[in-house]
PDB file of all heavy atoms in Angstrom:
ATOM      1  N   PRO A   1       2.275  15.582  44.293  1.00  0.00           N
ATOM      2  CA  PRO A   1       1.953  14.664  45.393  1.00  0.00           C
ATOM      3  C   PRO A   1       0.919  13.617  45.016  1.00  0.00           C
ATOM      4  O   PRO A   1       0.907  12.526  45.597  1.00  0.00           O
ATOM      5  CB  PRO A   1       1.436  15.598  46.496  1.00  0.00           C
ATOM      6  CG  PRO A   1       1.013  16.836  45.812  1.00  0.00           C
ATOM      7  CD  PRO A   1       1.939  16.977  44.640  1.00  0.00           C
ATOM      8  N   VAL A   2       0.050  13.935  44.047  1.00  0.00           N
ATOM      9  CA  VAL A   2      -0.927  12.942  43.600  1.00  0.00           C
ATOM     10  C   VAL A   2      -0.210  11.770  42.934  1.00  0.00           C
ATOM     11  O   VAL A   2      -0.434  10.593  43.267  1.00  0.00           O
ATOM     12  CB  VAL A   2      -1.937  13.576  42.621  1.00  0.00           C
ATOM     13  CG1 VAL A   2      -2.904  12.513  42.092  1.00  0.00           C
ATOM     14  CG2 VAL A   2      -2.702  14.698  43.305  1.00  0.00           C
ATOM     15  N   PHE A   3       0.667  12.080  41.986  1.00  0.00           N
ATOM     16  CA  PHE A   3       1.432  11.029  41.322  1.00  0.00           C
ATOM     17  C   PHE A   3       2.352  10.319  42.315  1.00  0.00           C
ATOM     18  O   PHE A   3       2.514   9.096  42.265  1.00  0.00           O
ATOM     19  CB  PHE A   3       2.268  11.622  40.178  1.00  0.00           C
ATOM     20  CG  PHE A   3       1.462  12.019  38.974  1.00  0.00           C
ATOM     21  CD1 PHE A   3       1.602  13.280  38.409  1.00  0.00           C
ATOM     22  CD2 PHE A   3       0.569  11.140  38.402  1.00  0.00           C
ATOM     23  CE1 PHE A   3       0.858  13.659  37.302  1.00  0.00           C
ATOM     24  CE2 PHE A   3      -0.190  11.499  37.285  1.00  0.00           C
ATOM     25  CZ  PHE A   3      -0.036  12.757  36.734  1.00  0.00           C
ATOM     26  N   GLY A   4       2.963  11.091  43.221  1.00  0.00           N
ATOM     27  CA  GLY A   4       3.857  10.492  44.207  1.00  0.00           C
ATOM     28  C   GLY A   4       3.135   9.498  45.093  1.00  0.00           C
ATOM     29  O   GLY A   4       3.672   8.426  45.417  1.00  0.00           O
ATOM     30  N   THR A   5       1.922   9.823  45.504  1.00  0.00           N
ATOM     31  CA  THR A   5       1.132   8.930  46.346  1.00  0.00           C
ATOM     32  C   THR A   5       0.777   7.643  45.595  1.00  0.00           C
ATOM     33  O   THR A   5       0.856   6.536  46.145  1.00  0.00           O
ATOM     34  CB  THR A   5      -0.153   9.634  46.814  1.00  0.00           C
ATOM     35  OG1 THR A   5       0.202  10.787  47.583  1.00  0.00           O
ATOM     36  CG2 THR A   5      -1.003   8.713  47.663  1.00  0.00           C
ATOM     37  N   VAL A   6       0.395   7.784  44.329  1.00  0.00           N
ATOM     38  CA  VAL A   6       0.064   6.609  43.516  1.00  0.00           C
ATOM     39  C   VAL A   6       1.284   5.710  43.352  1.00  0.00           C
ATOM     40  O   VAL A   6       1.207   4.480  43.512  1.00  0.00           O
ATOM     41  CB  VAL A   6      -0.479   7.045  42.133  1.00  0.00           C
ATOM     42  CG1 VAL A   6      -0.644   5.827  41.217  1.00  0.00           C
ATOM     43  CG2 VAL A   6      -1.806   7.770  42.295  1.00  0.00           C
ATOM     44  N   PHE A   7       2.444   6.308  43.047  1.00  0.00           N
ATOM     45  CA  PHE A   7       3.673   5.526  42.907  1.00  0.00           C
ATOM     46  C   PHE A   7       4.038   4.828  44.215  1.00  0.00           C
ATOM     47  O   PHE A   7       4.445   3.663  44.225  1.00  0.00           O
ATOM     48  CB  PHE A   7       4.834   6.427  42.470  1.00  0.00           C
ATOM     49  CG  PHE A   7       4.757   6.891  41.043  1.00  0.00           C
ATOM     50  CD1 PHE A   7       5.232   8.141  40.673  1.00  0.00           C
ATOM     51  CD2 PHE A   7       4.207   6.088  40.065  1.00  0.00           C
ATOM     52  CE1 PHE A   7       5.161   8.580  39.363  1.00  0.00           C
ATOM     53  CE2 PHE A   7       4.128   6.507  38.748  1.00  0.00           C
ATOM     54  CZ  PHE A   7       4.598   7.759  38.396  1.00  0.00           C
ATOM     55  N   ALA A   8       3.908   5.562  45.328  1.00  0.00           N
ATOM     56  CA  ALA A   8       4.256   4.984  46.626  1.00  0.00           C
ATOM     57  C   ALA A   8       3.365   3.789  46.960  1.00  0.00           C
ATOM     58  O   ALA A   8       3.810   2.809  47.552  1.00  0.00           O
ATOM     59  CB  ALA A   8       4.139   6.042  47.721  1.00  0.00           C
ATOM     60  N   PHE A   9       2.094   3.870  46.563  1.00  0.00           N
ATOM     61  CA  PHE A   9       1.153   2.782  46.825  1.00  0.00           C
ATOM     62  C   PHE A   9       1.513   1.541  46.011  1.00  0.00           C
ATOM     63  O   PHE A   9       1.590   0.426  46.540  1.00  0.00           O
ATOM     64  CB  PHE A   9      -0.268   3.229  46.495  1.00  0.00           C
ATOM     65  CG  PHE A   9      -1.303   2.151  46.643  1.00  0.00           C
ATOM     66  CD1 PHE A   9      -1.788   1.792  47.903  1.00  0.00           C
ATOM     67  CD2 PHE A   9      -1.783   1.479  45.528  1.00  0.00           C
ATOM     68  CE1 PHE A   9      -2.738   0.789  48.037  1.00  0.00           C
ATOM     69  CE2 PHE A   9      -2.729   0.479  45.654  1.00  0.00           C
ATOM     70  CZ  PHE A   9      -3.210   0.132  46.912  1.00  0.00           C
ATOM     71  N   PHE A  10       1.773   1.729  44.713  1.00  0.00           N
ATOM     72  CA  PHE A  10       2.004   0.579  43.838  1.00  0.00           C
ATOM     73  C   PHE A  10       3.436   0.059  43.895  1.00  0.00           C
ATOM     74  O   PHE A  10       3.667  -1.147  43.782  1.00  0.00           O
ATOM     75  CB  PHE A  10       1.645   0.933  42.391  1.00  0.00           C
ATOM     76  CG  PHE A  10       0.170   0.995  42.135  1.00  0.00           C
ATOM     77  CD1 PHE A  10      -0.480   2.210  42.026  1.00  0.00           C
ATOM     78  CD2 PHE A  10      -0.578  -0.167  42.028  1.00  0.00           C
ATOM     79  CE1 PHE A  10      -1.850   2.270  41.795  1.00  0.00           C
ATOM     80  CE2 PHE A  10      -1.950  -0.124  41.798  1.00  0.00           C
ATOM     81  CZ  PHE A  10      -2.586   1.103  41.683  1.00  0.00           C
ATOM     82  N   VAL A  11       4.406   0.954  44.068  1.00  0.00           N
ATOM     83  CA  VAL A  11       5.817   0.532  44.050  1.00  0.00           C
ATOM     84  C   VAL A  11       6.290   0.107  45.433  1.00  0.00           C
ATOM     85  O   VAL A  11       6.973  -0.920  45.580  1.00  0.00           O
ATOM     86  CB  VAL A  11       6.718   1.670  43.507  1.00  0.00           C
ATOM     87  CG1 VAL A  11       8.193   1.262  43.569  1.00  0.00           C
ATOM     88  CG2 VAL A  11       6.323   2.027  42.087  1.00  0.00           C
ATOM     89  N   LEU A  12       5.935   0.880  46.458  1.00  0.00           N
ATOM     90  CA  LEU A  12       6.445   0.624  47.804  1.00  0.00           C
ATOM     91  C   LEU A  12       5.429  -0.054  48.718  1.00  0.00           C
ATOM     92  O   LEU A  12       5.780  -0.498  49.806  1.00  0.00           O
ATOM     93  CB  LEU A  12       6.896   1.938  48.452  1.00  0.00           C
ATOM     94  CG  LEU A  12       7.968   2.735  47.695  1.00  0.00           C
ATOM     95  CD1 LEU A  12       8.216   4.066  48.395  1.00  0.00           C
ATOM     96  CD2 LEU A  12       9.258   1.939  47.568  1.00  0.00           C
ATOM     97  N   GLY A  13       4.177  -0.089  48.285  1.00  0.00           N
ATOM     98  CA  GLY A  13       3.143  -0.684  49.121  1.00  0.00           C
ATOM     99  C   GLY A  13       2.700   0.197  50.271  1.00  0.00           C
ATOM    100  O   GLY A  13       2.073  -0.285  51.224  1.00  0.00           O
ATOM    101  N   GLU A  14       3.013   1.497  50.226  1.00  0.00           N
ATOM    102  CA  GLU A  14       2.581   2.408  51.279  1.00  0.00           C
ATOM    103  C   GLU A  14       1.070   2.653  51.165  1.00  0.00           C
ATOM    104  O   GLU A  14       0.528   2.706  50.061  1.00  0.00           O
ATOM    105  CB  GLU A  14       3.331   3.744  51.184  1.00  0.00           C
ATOM    106  CG  GLU A  14       4.811   3.632  51.503  1.00  0.00           C
ATOM    107  CD  GLU A  14       5.503   4.993  51.497  1.00  0.00           C
ATOM    108  OE1 GLU A  14       4.807   6.011  51.293  1.00  0.00           O
ATOM    109  OE2 GLU A  14       6.723   5.033  51.699  1.00  0.00           O
ATOM    110  N   VAL A  15       0.431   2.799  52.298  1.00  0.00           N
ATOM    111  CA  VAL A  15      -1.008   3.045  52.332  1.00  0.00           C
ATOM    112  C   VAL A  15      -1.244   4.440  52.898  1.00  0.00           C
ATOM    113  O   VAL A  15      -0.704   4.789  53.949  1.00  0.00           O
ATOM    114  CB  VAL A  15      -1.737   1.999  53.198  1.00  0.00           C
ATOM    115  CG1 VAL A  15      -3.240   2.308  53.243  1.00  0.00           C
ATOM    116  CG2 VAL A  15      -1.490   0.600  52.653  1.00  0.00           C
ATOM    117  N   ILE A  16      -2.019   5.229  52.194  1.00  0.00           N
ATOM    118  CA  ILE A  16      -2.279   6.590  52.662  1.00  0.00           C
ATOM    119  C   ILE A  16      -3.265   6.559  53.825  1.00  0.00           C
ATOM    120  O   ILE A  16      -4.245   5.812  53.810  1.00  0.00           O
ATOM    121  CB  ILE A  16      -2.814   7.477  51.515  1.00  0.00           C
ATOM    122  CG1 ILE A  16      -2.864   8.940  51.948  1.00  0.00           C
ATOM    123  CG2 ILE A  16      -4.175   6.999  51.025  1.00  0.00           C
ATOM    124  CD1 ILE A  16      -3.075   9.920  50.816  1.00  0.00           C
ATOM    125  N   SER A  17      -2.981   7.349  54.846  1.00  0.00           N
ATOM    126  CA  SER A  17      -3.801   7.363  56.056  1.00  0.00           C
ATOM    127  C   SER A  17      -4.751   8.555  56.039  1.00  0.00           C
ATOM    128  O   SER A  17      -4.599   9.492  55.245  1.00  0.00           O
ATOM    129  CB  SER A  17      -2.905   7.438  57.293  1.00  0.00           C
ATOM    130  OG  SER A  17      -2.185   8.654  57.320  1.00  0.00           O
ATOM    131  N   LEU A  18      -5.725   8.540  56.956  1.00  0.00           N
ATOM    132  CA  LEU A  18      -6.690   9.626  57.058  1.00  0.00           C
ATOM    133  C   LEU A  18      -6.018  10.973  57.364  1.00  0.00           C
ATOM    134  O   LEU A  18      -6.347  11.988  56.737  1.00  0.00           O
ATOM    135  CB  LEU A  18      -7.743   9.305  58.113  1.00  0.00           C
ATOM    136  CG  LEU A  18      -8.863  10.349  58.291  1.00  0.00           C
ATOM    137  CD1 LEU A  18      -9.616  10.558  56.983  1.00  0.00           C
ATOM    138  CD2 LEU A  18      -9.809   9.928  59.407  1.00  0.00           C
ATOM    139  N   PRO A  19      -5.044  11.030  58.327  1.00  0.00           N
ATOM    140  CA  PRO A  19      -4.358  12.309  58.561  1.00  0.00           C
ATOM    141  C   PRO A  19      -3.624  12.832  57.329  1.00  0.00           C
ATOM    142  O   PRO A  19      -3.572  14.046  57.093  1.00  0.00           O
ATOM    143  CB  PRO A  19      -3.377  11.990  59.696  1.00  0.00           C
ATOM    144  CG  PRO A  19      -3.996  10.835  60.415  1.00  0.00           C
ATOM    145  CD  PRO A  19      -4.647  10.030  59.340  1.00  0.00           C
ATOM    146  N   GLN A  20      -3.062  11.912  56.520  1.00  0.00           N
ATOM    147  CA  GLN A  20      -2.388  12.343  55.304  1.00  0.00           C
ATOM    148  C   GLN A  20      -3.391  12.923  54.305  1.00  0.00           C
ATOM    149  O   GLN A  20      -3.106  13.912  53.632  1.00  0.00           O
ATOM    150  CB  GLN A  20      -1.630  11.172  54.677  1.00  0.00           C
ATOM    151  CG  GLN A  20      -0.387  10.763  55.456  1.00  0.00           C
ATOM    152  CD  GLN A  20       0.229   9.483  54.914  1.00  0.00           C
ATOM    153  OE1 GLN A  20      -0.473   8.592  54.430  1.00  0.00           O
ATOM    154  NE2 GLN A  20       1.546   9.376  54.993  1.00  0.00           N
ATOM    155  N   ILE A  21      -4.552  12.299  54.215  1.00  0.00           N
ATOM    156  CA  ILE A  21      -5.590  12.811  53.314  1.00  0.00           C
ATOM    157  C   ILE A  21      -6.052  14.189  53.775  1.00  0.00           C
ATOM    158  O   ILE A  21      -6.141  15.134  52.982  1.00  0.00           O
ATOM    159  CB  ILE A  21      -6.789  11.841  53.259  1.00  0.00           C
ATOM    160  CG1 ILE A  21      -6.363  10.511  52.615  1.00  0.00           C
ATOM    161  CG2 ILE A  21      -7.940  12.463  52.473  1.00  0.00           C
ATOM    162  CD1 ILE A  21      -7.446   9.446  52.658  1.00  0.00           C
ATOM    163  N   LEU A  22      -6.328  14.321  55.080  1.00  0.00           N
ATOM    164  CA  LEU A  22      -6.793  15.593  55.627  1.00  0.00           C
ATOM    165  C   LEU A  22      -5.723  16.672  55.477  1.00  0.00           C
ATOM    166  O   LEU A  22      -5.997  17.793  55.019  1.00  0.00           O
ATOM    167  CB  LEU A  22      -7.158  15.427  57.100  1.00  0.00           C
ATOM    168  CG  LEU A  22      -7.592  16.704  57.841  1.00  0.00           C
ATOM    169  CD1 LEU A  22      -8.797  17.329  57.167  1.00  0.00           C
ATOM    170  CD2 LEU A  22      -7.884  16.405  59.308  1.00  0.00           C
ATOM    171  N   GLY A  23      -4.481  16.340  55.861  1.00  0.00           N
ATOM    172  CA  GLY A  23      -3.393  17.304  55.747  1.00  0.00           C
ATOM    173  C   GLY A  23      -3.135  17.691  54.310  1.00  0.00           C
ATOM    174  O   GLY A  23      -2.908  18.873  53.992  1.00  0.00           O
ATOM    175  N   GLY A  24      -3.180  16.700  53.408  1.00  0.00           N
ATOM    176  CA  GLY A  24      -2.975  16.984  51.996  1.00  0.00           C
ATOM    177  C   GLY A  24      -4.040  17.905  51.434  1.00  0.00           C
ATOM    178  O   GLY A  24      -3.748  18.814  50.659  1.00  0.00           O
ATOM    179  N   CYS A  25      -5.281  17.691  51.835  1.00  0.00           N
ATOM    180  CA  CYS A  25      -6.382  18.552  51.374  1.00  0.00           C
ATOM    181  C   CYS A  25      -6.189  19.989  51.848  1.00  0.00           C
ATOM    182  O   CYS A  25      -6.446  20.950  51.104  1.00  0.00           O
ATOM    183  CB  CYS A  25      -7.717  18.006  51.873  1.00  0.00           C
ATOM    184  SG  CYS A  25      -8.247  16.491  51.040  1.00  0.00           S
ATOM    185  N   LEU A  26      -5.722  20.164  53.095  1.00  0.00           N
ATOM    186  CA  LEU A  26      -5.470  21.508  53.608  1.00  0.00           C
ATOM    187  C   LEU A  26      -4.329  22.181  52.846  1.00  0.00           C
ATOM    188  O   LEU A  26      -4.405  23.375  52.520  1.00  0.00           O
ATOM    189  CB  LEU A  26      -5.141  21.443  55.106  1.00  0.00           C
ATOM    190  CG  LEU A  26      -6.317  21.113  56.034  1.00  0.00           C
ATOM    191  CD1 LEU A  26      -5.816  20.841  57.451  1.00  0.00           C
ATOM    192  CD2 LEU A  26      -7.335  22.245  56.042  1.00  0.00           C
ATOM    193  N   VAL A  27      -3.277  21.412  52.570  1.00  0.00           N
ATOM    194  CA  VAL A  27      -2.148  21.949  51.797  1.00  0.00           C
ATOM    195  C   VAL A  27      -2.627  22.379  50.416  1.00  0.00           C
ATOM    196  O   VAL A  27      -2.326  23.486  49.936  1.00  0.00           O
ATOM    197  CB  VAL A  27      -1.019  20.910  51.679  1.00  0.00           C
ATOM    198  CG1 VAL A  27       0.011  21.361  50.645  1.00  0.00           C
ATOM    199  CG2 VAL A  27      -0.343  20.705  53.026  1.00  0.00           C
ATOM    200  N   PHE A  28      -3.393  21.506  49.737  1.00  0.00           N
ATOM    201  CA  PHE A  28      -3.881  21.831  48.401  1.00  0.00           C
ATOM    202  C   PHE A  28      -4.797  23.045  48.421  1.00  0.00           C
ATOM    203  O   PHE A  28      -4.768  23.875  47.519  1.00  0.00           O
ATOM    204  CB  PHE A  28      -4.641  20.641  47.806  1.00  0.00           C
ATOM    205  CG  PHE A  28      -3.783  19.437  47.586  1.00  0.00           C
ATOM    206  CD1 PHE A  28      -4.330  18.173  47.600  1.00  0.00           C
ATOM    207  CD2 PHE A  28      -2.419  19.561  47.377  1.00  0.00           C
ATOM    208  CE1 PHE A  28      -3.544  17.055  47.403  1.00  0.00           C
ATOM    209  CE2 PHE A  28      -1.618  18.452  47.191  1.00  0.00           C
ATOM    210  CZ  PHE A  28      -2.178  17.185  47.194  1.00  0.00           C
ATOM    211  N   ALA A  29      -5.631  23.144  49.462  1.00  0.00           N
ATOM    212  CA  ALA A  29      -6.544  24.285  49.577  1.00  0.00           C
ATOM    213  C   ALA A  29      -5.754  25.582  49.699  1.00  0.00           C
ATOM    214  O   ALA A  29      -6.081  26.596  49.055  1.00  0.00           O
ATOM    215  CB  ALA A  29      -7.456  24.102  50.784  1.00  0.00           C
ATOM    216  N   GLY A  30      -4.700  25.554  50.515  1.00  0.00           N
ATOM    217  CA  GLY A  30      -3.875  26.742  50.686  1.00  0.00           C
ATOM    218  C   GLY A  30      -3.176  27.138  49.403  1.00  0.00           C
ATOM    219  O   GLY A  30      -3.144  28.319  49.029  1.00  0.00           O
ATOM    220  N   VAL A  31      -2.626  26.144  48.706  1.00  0.00           N
ATOM    221  CA  VAL A  31      -1.924  26.425  47.454  1.00  0.00           C
ATOM    222  C   VAL A  31      -2.898  26.914  46.393  1.00  0.00           C
ATOM    223  O   VAL A  31      -2.591  27.810  45.603  1.00  0.00           O
ATOM    224  CB  VAL A  31      -1.172  25.167  46.967  1.00  0.00           C
ATOM    225  CG1 VAL A  31      -0.586  25.396  45.573  1.00  0.00           C
ATOM    226  CG2 VAL A  31      -0.058  24.791  47.942  1.00  0.00           C
ATOM    227  N   ALA A  32      -4.112  26.325  46.370  1.00  0.00           N
ATOM    228  CA  ALA A  32      -5.098  26.712  45.361  1.00  0.00           C
ATOM    229  C   ALA A  32      -5.485  28.173  45.491  1.00  0.00           C
ATOM    230  O   ALA A  32      -5.724  28.851  44.486  1.00  0.00           O
ATOM    231  CB  ALA A  32      -6.339  25.830  45.486  1.00  0.00           C
ATOM    232  N   ILE A  33      -5.537  28.678  46.721  1.00  0.00           N
ATOM    233  CA  ILE A  33      -5.895  30.085  46.938  1.00  0.00           C
ATOM    234  C   ILE A  33      -4.916  30.996  46.215  1.00  0.00           C
ATOM    235  O   ILE A  33      -5.291  32.028  45.647  1.00  0.00           O
ATOM    236  CB  ILE A  33      -5.921  30.415  48.445  1.00  0.00           C
ATOM    237  CG1 ILE A  33      -7.102  29.701  49.117  1.00  0.00           C
ATOM    238  CG2 ILE A  33      -6.027  31.925  48.672  1.00  0.00           C
ATOM    239  CD1 ILE A  33      -7.104  29.839  50.629  1.00  0.00           C
ATOM    240  N   THR A  34      -3.648  30.617  46.216  1.00  0.00           N
ATOM    241  CA  THR A  34      -2.640  31.445  45.550  1.00  0.00           C
ATOM    242  C   THR A  34      -2.529  31.123  44.072  1.00  0.00           C
ATOM    243  O   THR A  34      -2.276  31.994  43.255  1.00  0.00           O
ATOM    244  CB  THR A  34      -1.258  31.242  46.205  1.00  0.00           C
ATOM    245  OG1 THR A  34      -0.902  29.857  46.118  1.00  0.00           O
ATOM    246  CG2 THR A  34      -1.294  31.664  47.645  1.00  0.00           C
ATOM    247  N   SER A  35      -2.719  29.854  43.689  1.00  0.00           N
ATOM    248  CA  SER A  35      -2.526  29.446  42.299  1.00  0.00           C
ATOM    249  C   SER A  35      -3.541  30.069  41.357  1.00  0.00           C
ATOM    250  O   SER A  35      -3.245  30.322  40.190  1.00  0.00           O
ATOM    251  CB  SER A  35      -2.604  27.916  42.182  1.00  0.00           C
ATOM    252  OG  SER A  35      -1.559  27.307  42.886  1.00  0.00           O
ATOM    253  N   PHE A  36      -4.737  30.319  41.853  1.00  0.00           N
ATOM    254  CA  PHE A  36      -5.790  30.824  40.986  1.00  0.00           C
ATOM    255  C   PHE A  36      -5.978  32.333  41.083  1.00  0.00           C
ATOM    256  O   PHE A  36      -7.004  32.861  40.710  1.00  0.00           O
ATOM    257  CB  PHE A  36      -7.110  30.112  41.295  1.00  0.00           C
ATOM    258  CG  PHE A  36      -7.107  28.682  40.855  1.00  0.00           C
ATOM    259  CD1 PHE A  36      -6.800  27.672  41.751  1.00  0.00           C
ATOM    260  CD2 PHE A  36      -7.369  28.346  39.537  1.00  0.00           C
ATOM    261  CE1 PHE A  36      -6.779  26.352  41.346  1.00  0.00           C
ATOM    262  CE2 PHE A  36      -7.359  27.023  39.125  1.00  0.00           C
ATOM    263  CZ  PHE A  36      -7.055  26.020  40.028  1.00  0.00           C
ATOM    264  N   THR A  37      -4.962  33.024  41.601  1.00  0.00           N
ATOM    265  CA  THR A  37      -5.007  34.477  41.613  1.00  0.00           C
ATOM    266  C   THR A  37      -4.201  35.014  40.447  1.00  0.00           C
ATOM    267  O   THR A  37      -3.408  34.309  39.835  1.00  0.00           O
ATOM    268  CB  THR A  37      -4.420  35.037  42.918  1.00  0.00           C
ATOM    269  OG1 THR A  37      -3.075  34.591  43.032  1.00  0.00           O
ATOM    270  CG2 THR A  37      -5.222  34.578  44.121  1.00  0.00           C
ATOM    271  N   LYS A  38      -4.386  36.284  40.165  1.00  0.00           N
ATOM    272  CA  LYS A  38      -3.675  36.896  39.052  1.00  0.00           C
ATOM    273  C   LYS A  38      -2.276  37.337  39.447  1.00  0.00           C
ATOM    274  O   LYS A  38      -1.460  37.653  38.592  1.00  0.00           O
ATOM    275  CB  LYS A  38      -4.455  38.110  38.529  1.00  0.00           C
ATOM    276  CG  LYS A  38      -5.805  37.736  37.904  1.00  0.00           C
ATOM    277  CD  LYS A  38      -6.516  38.961  37.386  1.00  0.00           C
ATOM    278  CE  LYS A  38      -7.856  38.599  36.758  1.00  0.00           C
ATOM    279  NZ  LYS A  38      -8.576  39.794  36.253  1.00  0.00           N
TER     280      LYS A  38
END
């Protein structure tokens, strides 16, 4: 999603909004809890 957001900004001119930033951070936080477990 990091690369996708960068591509969307430069290729499509999309602008990331505050809800997208907040929602994305929550998604990443949830995934990180599982990604860093054994």
